[in-house]
Amino acid sequence: MAHRRSIGLGPALLLLAGGCGNPPLPVEGTVTVNGKPAIGGAVAFDVGDGSRPETIAPIAQGRYAALVPAASGKPVAVRVQAAWKTGRRVPVGPPAPPNEMTDEVALTPEKYNHPGAFSATFERGKVNRFDFDLKPK
């Protein structure tokens, strides 16, 4: 009898987990630091209802894309952490050979990496585009 009950709950649980509510909304955009593409990092979207974790969109070569479970017309808190090349060359250090140099990489300031540093309002029926140009100094 218990086996039959668990089979009956399977479809109901699937319906509750993924079949109800609105589908996630697509988002894409660019992240630049002082006008130049970020080399890495992440954009995090927090719908703020406490029912699900942030949606994290990795940044690659200054671009990101994700599906966010946001409601159309409601603001979403956004935070951005990006890596960028400073333009300076610095020593690699051990175990690399002496005098080997590499590009210095820095992370954007904390002011961009806290919930609500930015806000985004999504619209259903289109790809939402949000571009972020960060100014670290």
C-alpha atoms as a PDB file:
ATOM      1  CA  MET A   1       0.000   0.000   0.000  1.00  0.00           C
ATOM      2  CA  ALA A   2       2.821   2.444   0.841  1.00  0.00           C
ATOM      3  CA  HIS A   3       4.438   1.685  -2.514  1.00  0.00           C
ATOM      4  CA  ARG A   4       1.264   2.640  -4.362  1.00  0.00           C
ATOM      5  CA  ARG A   5       1.006   5.902  -2.371  1.00  0.00           C
ATOM      6  CA  SER A   6       4.588   6.945  -3.212  1.00  0.00           C
ATOM      7  CA  ILE A   7       3.961   6.382  -6.934  1.00  0.00           C
ATOM      8  CA  GLY A   8       0.844   8.536  -6.691  1.00  0.00           C
ATOM      9  CA  LEU A   9       2.787  11.355  -5.009  1.00  0.00           C
ATOM     10  CA  GLY A  10       5.563  11.409  -7.653  1.00  0.00           C
ATOM     11  CA  PRO A  11       3.562  13.233 -10.361  1.00  0.00           C
ATOM     12  CA  ALA A  12       2.065  15.585  -7.772  1.00  0.00           C
ATOM     13  CA  LEU A  13       5.520  16.496  -6.468  1.00  0.00           C
ATOM     14  CA  LEU A  14       6.779  17.106 -10.021  1.00  0.00           C
ATOM     15  CA  LEU A  15       3.821  19.383 -10.626  1.00  0.00           C
ATOM     16  CA  LEU A  16       4.558  21.334  -7.453  1.00  0.00           C
ATOM     17  CA  ALA A  17       8.293  21.548  -8.133  1.00  0.00           C
ATOM     18  CA  GLY A  18       8.303  22.619 -11.748  1.00  0.00           C
ATOM     19  CA  GLY A  19       4.883  22.737 -13.305  1.00  0.00           C
ATOM     20  CA  CYS A  20       3.281  25.562 -11.354  1.00  0.00           C
ATOM     21  CA  GLY A  21       3.885  29.257 -11.583  1.00  0.00           C
ATOM     22  CA  ASN A  22       5.567  31.298 -14.260  1.00  0.00           C
ATOM     23  CA  PRO A  23       8.607  30.076 -16.162  1.00  0.00           C
ATOM     24  CA  PRO A  24      11.954  31.784 -15.480  1.00  0.00           C
ATOM     25  CA  LEU A  25      12.719  34.938 -17.435  1.00  0.00           C
ATOM     26  CA  PRO A  26      15.784  35.166 -19.691  1.00  0.00           C
ATOM     27  CA  VAL A  27      18.413  37.789 -18.945  1.00  0.00           C
ATOM     28  CA  GLU A  28      21.668  38.699 -20.623  1.00  0.00           C
ATOM     29  CA  GLY A  29      24.071  41.573 -20.680  1.00  0.00           C
ATOM     30  CA  THR A  30      27.593  42.824 -20.401  1.00  0.00           C
ATOM     31  CA  VAL A  31      29.830  43.692 -17.480  1.00  0.00           C
ATOM     32  CA  THR A  32      32.567  46.222 -18.078  1.00  0.00           C
ATOM     33  CA  VAL A  33      35.084  47.803 -15.747  1.00  0.00           C
ATOM     34  CA  ASN A  34      35.992  51.333 -16.763  1.00  0.00           C
ATOM     35  CA  GLY A  35      34.497  50.554 -20.176  1.00  0.00           C
ATOM     36  CA  LYS A  36      36.525  47.360 -20.765  1.00  0.00           C
ATOM     37  CA  PRO A  37      35.014  43.831 -20.635  1.00  0.00           C
ATOM     38  CA  ALA A  38      35.386  42.038 -17.300  1.00  0.00           C
ATOM     39  CA  ILE A  39      37.485  38.891 -17.686  1.00  0.00           C
ATOM     40  CA  GLY A  40      35.446  36.862 -15.193  1.00  0.00           C
ATOM     41  CA  GLY A  41      33.224  36.939 -12.138  1.00  0.00           C
ATOM     42  CA  ALA A  42      29.480  36.617 -11.603  1.00  0.00           C
ATOM     43  CA  VAL A  43      26.206  38.533 -11.642  1.00  0.00           C
ATOM     44  CA  ALA A  44      23.772  37.424  -8.903  1.00  0.00           C
ATOM     45  CA  PHE A  45      20.002  38.005  -9.068  1.00  0.00           C
ATOM     46  CA  ASP A  46      18.019  37.746  -5.804  1.00  0.00           C
ATOM     47  CA  VAL A  47      14.231  37.730  -6.242  1.00  0.00           C
ATOM     48  CA  GLY A  48      13.951  38.523  -2.526  1.00  0.00           C
ATOM     49  CA  ASP A  49      11.052  36.273  -1.653  1.00  0.00           C
ATOM     50  CA  GLY A  50      13.179  33.985   0.521  1.00  0.00           C
ATOM     51  CA  SER A  51      11.870  30.866  -1.229  1.00  0.00           C
ATOM     52  CA  ARG A  52      14.883  30.276  -3.474  1.00  0.00           C
ATOM     53  CA  PRO A  53      18.579  31.075  -3.648  1.00  0.00           C
ATOM     54  CA  GLU A  54      20.117  33.719  -5.847  1.00  0.00           C
ATOM     55  CA  THR A  55      20.485  32.941  -9.531  1.00  0.00           C
ATOM     56  CA  ILE A  56      24.175  33.181 -10.406  1.00  0.00           C
ATOM     57  CA  ALA A  57      25.238  34.070 -13.955  1.00  0.00           C
ATOM     58  CA  PRO A  58      28.964  33.583 -14.619  1.00  0.00           C
ATOM     59  CA  ILE A  59      30.752  36.369 -16.500  1.00  0.00           C
ATOM     60  CA  ALA A  60      32.922  35.241 -19.408  1.00  0.00           C
ATOM     61  CA  GLN A  61      34.728  37.764 -21.607  1.00  0.00           C
ATOM     62  CA  GLY A  62      32.443  40.542 -20.383  1.00  0.00           C
ATOM     63  CA  ARG A  63      29.143  38.734 -21.060  1.00  0.00           C
ATOM     64  CA  TYR A  64      26.623  36.828 -18.931  1.00  0.00           C
ATOM     65  CA  ALA A  65      23.274  35.081 -19.466  1.00  0.00           C
ATOM     66  CA  ALA A  66      20.809  33.248 -17.211  1.00  0.00           C
ATOM     67  CA  LEU A  67      17.204  32.294 -16.560  1.00  0.00           C
ATOM     68  CA  VAL A  68      15.868  34.087 -13.470  1.00  0.00           C
ATOM     69  CA  PRO A  69      12.690  33.023 -11.602  1.00  0.00           C
ATOM     70  CA  ALA A  70      11.519  36.623 -11.301  1.00  0.00           C
ATOM     71  CA  ALA A  71       8.033  38.062 -11.505  1.00  0.00           C
ATOM     72  CA  SER A  72       7.414  40.443 -14.373  1.00  0.00           C
ATOM     73  CA  GLY A  73       7.336  44.073 -13.236  1.00  0.00           C
ATOM     74  CA  LYS A  74       8.870  43.465  -9.798  1.00  0.00           C
ATOM     75  CA  PRO A  75      12.354  44.794  -8.965  1.00  0.00           C
ATOM     76  CA  VAL A  76      15.074  42.226  -8.309  1.00  0.00           C
ATOM     77  CA  ALA A  77      18.200  42.903  -6.221  1.00  0.00           C
ATOM     78  CA  VAL A  78      21.407  42.457  -8.206  1.00  0.00           C
ATOM     79  CA  ARG A  79      25.045  42.235  -7.132  1.00  0.00           C
ATOM     80  CA  VAL A  80      28.125  41.990  -9.332  1.00  0.00           C
ATOM     81  CA  GLN A  81      31.624  40.719  -8.640  1.00  0.00           C
ATOM     82  CA  ALA A  82      33.949  41.057 -11.590  1.00  0.00           C
ATOM     83  CA  ALA A  83      37.629  40.516 -12.266  1.00  0.00           C
ATOM     84  CA  TRP A  84      39.535  42.869 -14.505  1.00  0.00           C
ATOM     85  CA  LYS A  85      43.069  43.421 -15.724  1.00  0.00           C
ATOM     86  CA  THR A  86      44.606  46.533 -14.206  1.00  0.00           C
ATOM     87  CA  GLY A  87      47.047  47.101 -17.057  1.00  0.00           C
ATOM     88  CA  ARG A  88      50.057  46.537 -14.810  1.00  0.00           C
ATOM     89  CA  ARG A  89      52.504  43.634 -15.071  1.00  0.00           C
ATOM     90  CA  VAL A  90      53.557  41.942 -11.840  1.00  0.00           C
ATOM     91  CA  PRO A  91      55.973  39.127 -10.953  1.00  0.00           C
ATOM     92  CA  VAL A  92      54.425  35.652 -11.025  1.00  0.00           C
ATOM     93  CA  GLY A  93      56.445  34.451  -8.032  1.00  0.00           C
ATOM     94  CA  PRO A  94      57.527  30.942  -7.036  1.00  0.00           C
ATOM     95  CA  PRO A  95      57.511  28.315  -8.399  1.00  0.00           C
ATOM     96  CA  ALA A  96      57.710  30.234 -11.712  1.00  0.00           C
ATOM     97  CA  PRO A  97      61.148  31.128 -13.050  1.00  0.00           C
ATOM     98  CA  PRO A  98      62.644  34.387 -11.730  1.00  0.00           C
ATOM     99  CA  ASN A  99      61.566  37.587 -13.520  1.00  0.00           C
ATOM    100  CA  GLU A 100      58.476  35.951 -15.115  1.00  0.00           C
ATOM    101  CA  MET A 101      55.678  38.530 -15.317  1.00  0.00           C
ATOM    102  CA  THR A 102      51.889  38.316 -15.695  1.00  0.00           C
ATOM    103  CA  ASP A 103      48.928  40.692 -15.968  1.00  0.00           C
ATOM    104  CA  GLU A 104      47.709  41.984 -12.611  1.00  0.00           C
ATOM    105  CA  VAL A 105      44.067  41.043 -11.971  1.00  0.00           C
ATOM    106  CA  ALA A 106      41.840  42.819  -9.444  1.00  0.00           C
ATOM    107  CA  LEU A 107      38.288  42.332  -8.146  1.00  0.00           C
ATOM    108  CA  THR A 108      35.729  45.102  -8.185  1.00  0.00           C
ATOM    109  CA  PRO A 109      35.057  46.911  -4.886  1.00  0.00           C
ATOM    110  CA  GLU A 110      32.636  45.560  -2.285  1.00  0.00           C
ATOM    111  CA  LYS A 111      30.106  48.317  -3.086  1.00  0.00           C
ATOM    112  CA  TYR A 112      29.104  46.336  -6.205  1.00  0.00           C
ATOM    113  CA  ASN A 113      29.065  42.940  -4.486  1.00  0.00           C
ATOM    114  CA  HIS A 114      26.285  43.274  -1.907  1.00  0.00           C
ATOM    115  CA  PRO A 115      22.598  42.454  -2.404  1.00  0.00           C
ATOM    116  CA  GLY A 116      20.847  45.475  -3.826  1.00  0.00           C
ATOM    117  CA  ALA A 117      23.934  47.161  -5.262  1.00  0.00           C
ATOM    118  CA  PHE A 118      21.818  47.327  -8.423  1.00  0.00           C
ATOM    119  CA  SER A 119      18.160  46.751  -9.201  1.00  0.00           C
ATOM    120  CA  ALA A 120      16.598  45.172 -12.284  1.00  0.00           C
ATOM    121  CA  THR A 121      12.954  44.930 -13.326  1.00  0.00           C
ATOM    122  CA  PHE A 122      12.114  42.057 -15.672  1.00  0.00           C
ATOM    123  CA  GLU A 123       9.488  41.940 -18.411  1.00  0.00           C
ATOM    124  CA  ARG A 124       7.831  38.755 -19.643  1.00  0.00           C
ATOM    125  CA  GLY A 125       7.894  37.966 -23.364  1.00  0.00           C
ATOM    126  CA  LYS A 126      11.399  39.232 -24.149  1.00  0.00           C
ATOM    127  CA  VAL A 127      15.046  38.704 -23.320  1.00  0.00           C
ATOM    128  CA  ASN A 128      15.799  41.194 -20.569  1.00  0.00           C
ATOM    129  CA  ARG A 129      19.097  43.031 -21.030  1.00  0.00           C
ATOM    130  CA  PHE A 130      21.004  44.680 -18.194  1.00  0.00           C
ATOM    131  CA  ASP A 131      24.504  46.063 -18.749  1.00  0.00           C
ATOM    132  CA  PHE A 132      26.769  47.030 -15.863  1.00  0.00           C
ATOM    133  CA  ASP A 133      29.716  49.426 -16.228  1.00  0.00           C
ATOM    134  CA  LEU A 134      31.631  49.331 -12.967  1.00  0.00           C
ATOM    135  CA  LYS A 135      33.942  52.121 -11.820  1.00  0.00           C
ATOM    136  CA  PRO A 136      36.370  50.745  -9.222  1.00  0.00           C
ATOM    137  CA  LYS A 137      37.989  54.083  -8.331  1.00  0.00           C
END
